C-alpha cells in the first residue's frame, strides 16, 4: 500500500509539474516575437491555434507543433516561439478546440487519430496560405504529439519532414508508407519508447524510407521540457541542447 501511495505521489508530481509552467509563461512573455491565436476551419468547427512568427525578411518554412499529452500548455507555446526564434513560422493547433473543458490528459488520450490528422491537415493548409510562408511545411511533435507527428508522415504526401520527440512509431505497414524523412529524438532512460527504435529503423531501411533516430545518453522522457525548466537534471539539459542544435542543422536542408 505504501509503495502504491508513493508511486501515485510521484506520478501526481510529474503531471502537476508538467502543467504548472510559470517559468515557461514568464519566458514566453519576454519574447520579442509576434505571437497570436487564430481560428482555422477544420470540418465543421473552428480549430484554435497559437502562431508564432520569426523576425526575418524572407518567407519562411512552417513548423506544425504537436503538443504533449498535457495540451496547449505554456511550454507548448514556448516551444512554438523557440522555433520562431530559429527563423520559422510555428503553428501549434489545439486539438481540444470546441470540446468541453476538463482534464486535458484524459481528453487528449481519447482523441481519434483521424480527427487529429484532419486538424493537422487544416493547419497545414492554413500555413500554405500565409503570405509570410514559403509553402514548405514540417511537423514536430513531443510525447503523444511525437507519435502523431510520426503518423502524420504516413498521411500527408507533401509534408517535407517529421521531427519525432520520444513518440511511438506506427506499425510496419505505416512505416512503409512514409512520405518524408523522419528524424527521431529519444531519451536513453525511456525504455517504453526507445525499445521501438531499432525495429523501426529496420522496417524503414527495408522499405527504403529515411528514418534517422538519435538516443541521448542519460536523458528521460520529456527531456525537451524537463531540460529547459529551472534546475534541470544535467542529462536532460544536455539532451535538449543537443537536440536543438541538431534541429537547426537539419531544418534548412529539408
C-alpha atoms as a PDB file:
ATOM      1  CA  UNK A   1       0.000   0.000   0.000  1.00  0.00           C
ATOM      2  CA  UNK A   2       2.770   2.404   0.934  1.00  0.00           C
ATOM      3  CA  UNK A   3       4.590   1.691  -2.318  1.00  0.00           C
ATOM      4  CA  UNK A   4       1.394   2.398  -4.267  1.00  0.00           C
ATOM      5  CA  UNK A   5       0.909   5.692  -2.440  1.00  0.00           C
ATOM      6  CA  UNK A   6       4.498   6.738  -3.155  1.00  0.00           C
ATOM      7  CA  UNK A   7       4.097   5.841  -6.823  1.00  0.00           C
ATOM      8  CA  UNK A   8       0.861   7.805  -7.025  1.00  0.00           C
ATOM      9  CA  UNK A   9       2.558  10.792  -5.433  1.00  0.00           C
ATOM     10  CA  UNK A  10       5.442  10.632  -7.923  1.00  0.00           C
ATOM     11  CA  UNK A  11       3.053  10.395 -10.870  1.00  0.00           C
ATOM     12  CA  UNK A  12       0.969  13.241  -9.484  1.00  0.00           C
ATOM     13  CA  UNK A  13       4.043  15.410  -9.057  1.00  0.00           C
ATOM     14  CA  UNK A  14       5.164  14.642 -12.601  1.00  0.00           C
ATOM     15  CA  UNK A  15       1.794  15.642 -14.057  1.00  0.00           C
ATOM     16  CA  UNK A  16       1.468  18.769 -11.921  1.00  0.00           C
ATOM     17  CA  UNK A  17       4.994  19.900 -12.816  1.00  0.00           C
ATOM     18  CA  UNK A  18       4.178  19.431 -16.495  1.00  0.00           C
ATOM     19  CA  UNK A  19       1.051  21.575 -16.236  1.00  0.00           C
ATOM     20  CA  UNK A  20       2.341  24.215 -13.779  1.00  0.00           C
ATOM     21  CA  UNK A  21       4.749  26.100 -16.000  1.00  0.00           C
ATOM     22  CA  UNK A  22       5.055  29.628 -14.654  1.00  0.00           C
ATOM     23  CA  UNK A  23       8.697  29.669 -15.763  1.00  0.00           C
ATOM     24  CA  UNK A  24       7.639  28.957 -19.358  1.00  0.00           C
ATOM     25  CA  UNK A  25       4.891  31.585 -19.214  1.00  0.00           C
ATOM     26  CA  UNK A  26       7.375  34.163 -17.941  1.00  0.00           C
ATOM     27  CA  UNK A  27       9.895  33.305 -20.650  1.00  0.00           C
ATOM     28  CA  UNK A  28       7.229  33.455 -23.354  1.00  0.00           C
ATOM     29  CA  UNK A  29       6.046  36.820 -22.031  1.00  0.00           C
ATOM     30  CA  UNK A  30       9.514  38.268 -22.628  1.00  0.00           C
ATOM     31  CA  UNK A  31       9.687  37.129 -26.242  1.00  0.00           C
ATOM     32  CA  UNK A  32      10.104  39.977 -28.754  1.00  0.00           C
ATOM     33  CA  UNK A  33       8.415  37.903 -31.464  1.00  0.00           C
ATOM     34  CA  UNK A  34       4.821  38.247 -32.571  1.00  0.00           C
ATOM     35  CA  UNK A  35       2.515  35.511 -31.322  1.00  0.00           C
ATOM     36  CA  UNK A  36      -1.225  35.295 -31.829  1.00  0.00           C
ATOM     37  CA  UNK A  37      -4.215  32.992 -31.559  1.00  0.00           C
ATOM     38  CA  UNK A  38      -6.098  32.174 -34.731  1.00  0.00           C
ATOM     39  CA  UNK A  39      -9.178  30.169 -35.689  1.00  0.00           C
ATOM     40  CA  UNK A  40      -8.728  27.660 -38.503  1.00  0.00           C
ATOM     41  CA  UNK A  41     -11.649  25.900 -40.139  1.00  0.00           C
ATOM     42  CA  UNK A  42     -11.424  22.142 -39.630  1.00  0.00           C
ATOM     43  CA  UNK A  43     -14.512  20.366 -40.853  1.00  0.00           C
ATOM     44  CA  UNK A  44     -17.486  21.971 -39.174  1.00  0.00           C
ATOM     45  CA  UNK A  45     -15.660  23.593 -36.282  1.00  0.00           C
ATOM     46  CA  UNK A  46     -13.082  26.266 -35.504  1.00  0.00           C
ATOM     47  CA  UNK A  47      -9.677  24.848 -34.640  1.00  0.00           C
ATOM     48  CA  UNK A  48      -7.829  27.268 -32.404  1.00  0.00           C
ATOM     49  CA  UNK A  49      -4.078  27.534 -32.788  1.00  0.00           C
ATOM     50  CA  UNK A  50      -1.183  29.544 -31.424  1.00  0.00           C
ATOM     51  CA  UNK A  51       1.003  31.020 -34.160  1.00  0.00           C
ATOM     52  CA  UNK A  52       4.493  32.450 -33.603  1.00  0.00           C
ATOM     53  CA  UNK A  53       6.269  34.433 -36.310  1.00  0.00           C
ATOM     54  CA  UNK A  54      10.026  34.800 -36.816  1.00  0.00           C
ATOM     55  CA  UNK A  55      11.739  38.135 -37.223  1.00  0.00           C
ATOM     56  CA  UNK A  56      13.061  37.589 -40.743  1.00  0.00           C
ATOM     57  CA  UNK A  57      12.981  39.460 -44.064  1.00  0.00           C
ATOM     58  CA  UNK A  58      12.132  36.441 -46.219  1.00  0.00           C
ATOM     59  CA  UNK A  59       9.303  33.932 -46.484  1.00  0.00           C
ATOM     60  CA  UNK A  60       9.773  31.112 -44.010  1.00  0.00           C
ATOM     61  CA  UNK A  61       9.144  27.387 -43.649  1.00  0.00           C
ATOM     62  CA  UNK A  62       6.314  26.491 -41.272  1.00  0.00           C
ATOM     63  CA  UNK A  63       6.596  24.038 -38.368  1.00  0.00           C
ATOM     64  CA  UNK A  64       3.410  22.377 -37.123  1.00  0.00           C
ATOM     65  CA  UNK A  65       4.000  21.889 -33.390  1.00  0.00           C
ATOM     66  CA  UNK A  66       2.112  18.951 -31.867  1.00  0.00           C
ATOM     67  CA  UNK A  67       1.966  19.234 -28.116  1.00  0.00           C
ATOM     68  CA  UNK A  68       2.448  16.728 -25.297  1.00  0.00           C
ATOM     69  CA  UNK A  69      -0.500  14.885 -23.826  1.00  0.00           C
ATOM     70  CA  UNK A  70      -0.925  17.789 -21.380  1.00  0.00           C
ATOM     71  CA  UNK A  71      -2.330  20.047 -24.106  1.00  0.00           C
ATOM     72  CA  UNK A  72      -1.556  23.567 -25.288  1.00  0.00           C
ATOM     73  CA  UNK A  73       0.403  24.494 -22.177  1.00  0.00           C
ATOM     74  CA  UNK A  74       2.697  27.453 -21.699  1.00  0.00           C
ATOM     75  CA  UNK A  75       5.649  25.233 -22.585  1.00  0.00           C
ATOM     76  CA  UNK A  76       3.961  24.108 -25.829  1.00  0.00           C
ATOM     77  CA  UNK A  77       3.543  27.758 -26.808  1.00  0.00           C
ATOM     78  CA  UNK A  78       7.113  28.476 -25.723  1.00  0.00           C
ATOM     79  CA  UNK A  79       8.316  25.653 -27.984  1.00  0.00           C
ATOM     80  CA  UNK A  80       6.473  27.304 -30.877  1.00  0.00           C
ATOM     81  CA  UNK A  81       8.125  30.620 -30.032  1.00  0.00           C
ATOM     82  CA  UNK A  82      11.532  28.957 -29.968  1.00  0.00           C
ATOM     83  CA  UNK A  83      11.001  27.618 -33.475  1.00  0.00           C
ATOM     84  CA  UNK A  84      10.145  31.189 -34.444  1.00  0.00           C
ATOM     85  CA  UNK A  85      13.345  32.380 -32.778  1.00  0.00           C
ATOM     86  CA  UNK A  86      15.217  29.976 -35.068  1.00  0.00           C
ATOM     87  CA  UNK A  87      13.603  31.583 -38.128  1.00  0.00           C
ATOM     88  CA  UNK A  88      10.471  29.519 -38.734  1.00  0.00           C
ATOM     89  CA  UNK A  89       6.743  30.170 -38.572  1.00  0.00           C
ATOM     90  CA  UNK A  90       5.318  27.869 -35.901  1.00  0.00           C
ATOM     91  CA  UNK A  91       1.692  26.783 -35.607  1.00  0.00           C
ATOM     92  CA  UNK A  92       0.541  24.848 -32.535  1.00  0.00           C
ATOM     93  CA  UNK A  93      -3.043  23.611 -33.035  1.00  0.00           C
ATOM     94  CA  UNK A  94      -5.237  22.952 -30.018  1.00  0.00           C
ATOM     95  CA  UNK A  95      -6.877  19.622 -30.780  1.00  0.00           C
ATOM     96  CA  UNK A  96      -9.342  20.131 -27.912  1.00  0.00           C
ATOM     97  CA  UNK A  97     -10.878  23.187 -29.579  1.00  0.00           C
ATOM     98  CA  UNK A  98     -14.643  23.166 -29.311  1.00  0.00           C
ATOM     99  CA  UNK A  99     -14.766  20.486 -26.612  1.00  0.00           C
ATOM    100  CA  UNK A 100     -15.934  20.875 -23.033  1.00  0.00           C
ATOM    101  CA  UNK A 101     -13.226  21.953 -20.611  1.00  0.00           C
ATOM    102  CA  UNK A 102     -11.827  19.277 -18.344  1.00  0.00           C
ATOM    103  CA  UNK A 103      -8.712  17.281 -17.598  1.00  0.00           C
ATOM    104  CA  UNK A 104      -6.616  17.647 -20.746  1.00  0.00           C
ATOM    105  CA  UNK A 105      -4.599  14.456 -20.432  1.00  0.00           C
ATOM    106  CA  UNK A 106      -7.634  12.177 -20.451  1.00  0.00           C
ATOM    107  CA  UNK A 107      -9.400  14.094 -23.210  1.00  0.00           C
ATOM    108  CA  UNK A 108      -6.342  14.109 -25.454  1.00  0.00           C
ATOM    109  CA  UNK A 109      -5.681  10.393 -24.973  1.00  0.00           C
ATOM    110  CA  UNK A 110      -9.213   9.694 -26.234  1.00  0.00           C
ATOM    111  CA  UNK A 111      -8.914  11.757 -29.420  1.00  0.00           C
ATOM    112  CA  UNK A 112      -9.385   9.627 -32.552  1.00  0.00           C
ATOM    113  CA  UNK A 113      -6.270   9.681 -34.710  1.00  0.00           C
ATOM    114  CA  UNK A 114      -8.328  10.506 -37.811  1.00  0.00           C
ATOM    115  CA  UNK A 115      -9.551  13.669 -36.095  1.00  0.00           C
ATOM    116  CA  UNK A 116      -6.006  14.678 -35.134  1.00  0.00           C
ATOM    117  CA  UNK A 117      -4.772  14.110 -38.695  1.00  0.00           C
ATOM    118  CA  UNK A 118      -7.696  16.109 -40.083  1.00  0.00           C
ATOM    119  CA  UNK A 119      -6.856  19.007 -37.755  1.00  0.00           C
ATOM    120  CA  UNK A 120      -3.215  18.847 -38.830  1.00  0.00           C
ATOM    121  CA  UNK A 121      -4.375  18.940 -42.455  1.00  0.00           C
ATOM    122  CA  UNK A 122      -6.371  22.080 -41.682  1.00  0.00           C
ATOM    123  CA  UNK A 123      -3.344  23.697 -40.026  1.00  0.00           C
ATOM    124  CA  UNK A 124      -1.139  22.609 -42.947  1.00  0.00           C
ATOM    125  CA  UNK A 125      -3.486  24.183 -45.484  1.00  0.00           C
ATOM    126  CA  UNK A 126      -3.693  27.359 -43.360  1.00  0.00           C
ATOM    127  CA  UNK A 127       0.119  27.501 -43.323  1.00  0.00           C
ATOM    128  CA  UNK A 128       0.242  27.245 -47.086  1.00  0.00           C
ATOM    129  CA  UNK A 129      -1.973  30.332 -47.379  1.00  0.00           C
ATOM    130  CA  UNK A 130       0.053  32.565 -45.078  1.00  0.00           C
ATOM    131  CA  UNK A 131       1.660  35.427 -47.026  1.00  0.00           C
ATOM    132  CA  UNK A 132       4.815  35.121 -44.901  1.00  0.00           C
ATOM    133  CA  UNK A 133       5.175  31.376 -45.572  1.00  0.00           C
ATOM    134  CA  UNK A 134       7.251  29.809 -48.344  1.00  0.00           C
ATOM    135  CA  UNK A 135       4.906  26.825 -48.771  1.00  0.00           C
ATOM    136  CA  UNK A 136       7.184  24.255 -47.145  1.00  0.00           C
ATOM    137  CA  UNK A 137       5.725  22.594 -44.025  1.00  0.00           C
ATOM    138  CA  UNK A 138       7.262  20.218 -41.474  1.00  0.00           C
ATOM    139  CA  UNK A 139       5.846  18.718 -38.286  1.00  0.00           C
ATOM    140  CA  UNK A 140       7.441  18.396 -34.846  1.00  0.00           C
ATOM    141  CA  UNK A 141       5.736  16.527 -32.025  1.00  0.00           C
ATOM    142  CA  UNK A 142       6.516  15.758 -28.398  1.00  0.00           C
ATOM    143  CA  UNK A 143       5.439  12.668 -26.408  1.00  0.00           C
ATOM    144  CA  UNK A 144       1.830  11.998 -27.515  1.00  0.00           C
ATOM    145  CA  UNK A 145       2.495  14.580 -30.188  1.00  0.00           C
ATOM    146  CA  UNK A 146       5.610  12.723 -31.285  1.00  0.00           C
ATOM    147  CA  UNK A 147       3.513   9.667 -32.112  1.00  0.00           C
ATOM    148  CA  UNK A 148       1.031  11.844 -34.013  1.00  0.00           C
ATOM    149  CA  UNK A 149       3.846  13.556 -35.918  1.00  0.00           C
ATOM    150  CA  UNK A 150       5.155  10.121 -36.934  1.00  0.00           C
ATOM    151  CA  UNK A 151       1.656   9.113 -38.053  1.00  0.00           C
ATOM    152  CA  UNK A 152       1.284  12.368 -39.985  1.00  0.00           C
ATOM    153  CA  UNK A 153       4.368  11.493 -42.013  1.00  0.00           C
ATOM    154  CA  UNK A 154       2.478   8.415 -43.270  1.00  0.00           C
ATOM    155  CA  UNK A 155      -0.591  10.521 -44.077  1.00  0.00           C
ATOM    156  CA  UNK A 156       0.394  13.810 -45.715  1.00  0.00           C
ATOM    157  CA  UNK A 157       2.122  13.338 -49.058  1.00  0.00           C
ATOM    158  CA  UNK A 158       3.503  16.888 -49.348  1.00  0.00           C
ATOM    159  CA  UNK A 159       4.940  17.078 -45.824  1.00  0.00           C
ATOM    160  CA  UNK A 160       8.645  17.952 -46.040  1.00  0.00           C
ATOM    161  CA  UNK A 161       9.894  16.305 -42.815  1.00  0.00           C
ATOM    162  CA  UNK A 162       8.801  14.987 -39.428  1.00  0.00           C
ATOM    163  CA  UNK A 163      10.640  15.511 -36.145  1.00  0.00           C
ATOM    164  CA  UNK A 164       9.585  12.923 -33.568  1.00  0.00           C
ATOM    165  CA  UNK A 165      10.459  13.573 -29.939  1.00  0.00           C
ATOM    166  CA  UNK A 166      10.041  10.435 -27.802  1.00  0.00           C
ATOM    167  CA  UNK A 167       6.912   9.350 -29.656  1.00  0.00           C
ATOM    168  CA  UNK A 168       5.981   5.778 -30.554  1.00  0.00           C
ATOM    169  CA  UNK A 169       6.042   4.725 -34.232  1.00  0.00           C
ATOM    170  CA  UNK A 170       3.253   3.462 -36.482  1.00  0.00           C
ATOM    171  CA  UNK A 171       3.171  -0.234 -37.354  1.00  0.00           C
ATOM    172  CA  UNK A 172       5.365  -1.778 -40.047  1.00  0.00           C
ATOM    173  CA  UNK A 173       2.846  -1.129 -42.819  1.00  0.00           C
ATOM    174  CA  UNK A 174       2.664   2.525 -41.801  1.00  0.00           C
ATOM    175  CA  UNK A 175       6.420   2.918 -41.843  1.00  0.00           C
ATOM    176  CA  UNK A 176       6.458   1.524 -45.371  1.00  0.00           C
ATOM    177  CA  UNK A 177       4.229   4.422 -46.473  1.00  0.00           C
ATOM    178  CA  UNK A 178       6.293   7.283 -45.038  1.00  0.00           C
ATOM    179  CA  UNK A 179       6.124  10.287 -47.369  1.00  0.00           C
ATOM    180  CA  UNK A 180       9.074  12.235 -45.957  1.00  0.00           C
ATOM    181  CA  UNK A 181      12.224  11.862 -43.861  1.00  0.00           C
ATOM    182  CA  UNK A 182      11.638  11.250 -40.152  1.00  0.00           C
ATOM    183  CA  UNK A 183      14.153  12.390 -37.545  1.00  0.00           C
ATOM    184  CA  UNK A 184      13.840  10.842 -34.087  1.00  0.00           C
ATOM    185  CA  UNK A 185      14.936  12.219 -30.717  1.00  0.00           C
ATOM    186  CA  UNK A 186      14.849   9.789 -27.770  1.00  0.00           C
ATOM    187  CA  UNK A 187      15.937   9.582 -24.146  1.00  0.00           C
ATOM    188  CA  UNK A 188      18.020   6.600 -23.074  1.00  0.00           C
ATOM    189  CA  UNK A 189      16.019   6.228 -19.842  1.00  0.00           C
ATOM    190  CA  UNK A 190      12.673   5.927 -21.625  1.00  0.00           C
ATOM    191  CA  UNK A 191      12.520   2.233 -22.496  1.00  0.00           C
ATOM    192  CA  UNK A 192       8.771   2.232 -23.263  1.00  0.00           C
ATOM    193  CA  UNK A 193       9.514   4.320 -26.351  1.00  0.00           C
ATOM    194  CA  UNK A 194      13.197   3.799 -27.021  1.00  0.00           C
ATOM    195  CA  UNK A 195      12.951   0.000 -27.334  1.00  0.00           C
ATOM    196  CA  UNK A 196      10.973   0.576 -30.546  1.00  0.00           C
ATOM    197  CA  UNK A 197      13.805   2.423 -32.285  1.00  0.00           C
ATOM    198  CA  UNK A 198      15.925  -0.465 -33.621  1.00  0.00           C
ATOM    199  CA  UNK A 199      12.977  -2.360 -35.114  1.00  0.00           C
ATOM    200  CA  UNK A 200      11.545   0.825 -36.609  1.00  0.00           C
ATOM    201  CA  UNK A 201      14.920   1.566 -38.189  1.00  0.00           C
ATOM    202  CA  UNK A 202      14.972  -1.919 -39.741  1.00  0.00           C
ATOM    203  CA  UNK A 203      11.438  -1.505 -41.099  1.00  0.00           C
ATOM    204  CA  UNK A 204      12.318   1.895 -42.582  1.00  0.00           C
ATOM    205  CA  UNK A 205      15.568   0.677 -44.148  1.00  0.00           C
ATOM    206  CA  UNK A 206      13.845  -2.345 -45.674  1.00  0.00           C
ATOM    207  CA  UNK A 207      11.166  -0.079 -47.163  1.00  0.00           C
ATOM    208  CA  UNK A 208      13.709   2.401 -48.493  1.00  0.00           C
ATOM    209  CA  UNK A 209      12.477   5.162 -46.162  1.00  0.00           C
ATOM    210  CA  UNK A 210      14.600   7.694 -44.302  1.00  0.00           C
ATOM    211  CA  UNK A 211      14.412   7.398 -40.521  1.00  0.00           C
ATOM    212  CA  UNK A 212      17.285   8.843 -38.516  1.00  0.00           C
ATOM    213  CA  UNK A 213      16.986   8.326 -34.749  1.00  0.00           C
ATOM    214  CA  UNK A 214      19.327   9.593 -32.033  1.00  0.00           C
ATOM    215  CA  UNK A 215      19.200   8.332 -28.442  1.00  0.00           C
ATOM    216  CA  UNK A 216      20.547  10.783 -25.875  1.00  0.00           C
ATOM    217  CA  UNK A 217      22.591   9.298 -23.039  1.00  0.00           C
ATOM    218  CA  UNK A 218      21.028   9.527 -19.581  1.00  0.00           C
ATOM    219  CA  UNK A 219      18.014  11.555 -20.739  1.00  0.00           C
ATOM    220  CA  UNK A 220      14.479  10.587 -19.803  1.00  0.00           C
ATOM    221  CA  UNK A 221      11.079  11.033 -21.394  1.00  0.00           C
ATOM    222  CA  UNK A 222      10.077  14.681 -21.974  1.00  0.00           C
ATOM    223  CA  UNK A 223      13.686  15.873 -21.851  1.00  0.00           C
ATOM    224  CA  UNK A 224      12.902  18.808 -24.157  1.00  0.00           C
ATOM    225  CA  UNK A 225      10.675  20.306 -21.460  1.00  0.00           C
ATOM    226  CA  UNK A 226      12.486  18.922 -18.419  1.00  0.00           C
ATOM    227  CA  UNK A 227      15.833  20.092 -19.754  1.00  0.00           C
ATOM    228  CA  UNK A 228      14.593  23.651 -20.079  1.00  0.00           C
ATOM    229  CA  UNK A 229      12.820  24.098 -16.764  1.00  0.00           C
ATOM    230  CA  UNK A 230      14.666  25.644 -13.788  1.00  0.00           C
ATOM    231  CA  UNK A 231      17.384  23.459 -12.201  1.00  0.00           C
ATOM    232  CA  UNK A 232      17.211  20.646 -14.756  1.00  0.00           C
ATOM    233  CA  UNK A 233      18.899  17.276 -14.452  1.00  0.00           C
ATOM    234  CA  UNK A 234      22.172  17.716 -16.384  1.00  0.00           C
ATOM    235  CA  UNK A 235      21.470  14.803 -18.757  1.00  0.00           C
ATOM    236  CA  UNK A 236      18.095  16.266 -19.727  1.00  0.00           C
ATOM    237  CA  UNK A 237      19.559  19.724 -20.285  1.00  0.00           C
ATOM    238  CA  UNK A 238      22.380  18.291 -22.407  1.00  0.00           C
ATOM    239  CA  UNK A 239      19.938  16.239 -24.499  1.00  0.00           C
ATOM    240  CA  UNK A 240      17.699  19.258 -25.024  1.00  0.00           C
ATOM    241  CA  UNK A 241      20.582  21.483 -26.112  1.00  0.00           C
ATOM    242  CA  UNK A 242      21.995  18.856 -28.467  1.00  0.00           C
ATOM    243  CA  UNK A 243      18.534  18.265 -29.930  1.00  0.00           C
ATOM    244  CA  UNK A 244      18.014  21.961 -30.681  1.00  0.00           C
ATOM    245  CA  UNK A 245      21.406  22.104 -32.385  1.00  0.00           C
ATOM    246  CA  UNK A 246      20.520  19.052 -34.445  1.00  0.00           C
ATOM    247  CA  UNK A 247      17.162  20.566 -35.387  1.00  0.00           C
ATOM    248  CA  UNK A 248      18.747  23.784 -36.553  1.00  0.00           C
ATOM    249  CA  UNK A 249      21.245  21.823 -38.666  1.00  0.00           C
ATOM    250  CA  UNK A 250      18.531  19.724 -40.342  1.00  0.00           C
ATOM    251  CA  UNK A 251      15.716  22.241 -40.862  1.00  0.00           C
ATOM    252  CA  UNK A 252      17.406  24.381 -43.549  1.00  0.00           C
ATOM    253  CA  UNK A 253      18.050  21.232 -45.604  1.00  0.00           C
ATOM    254  CA  UNK A 254      14.515  19.784 -45.731  1.00  0.00           C
END
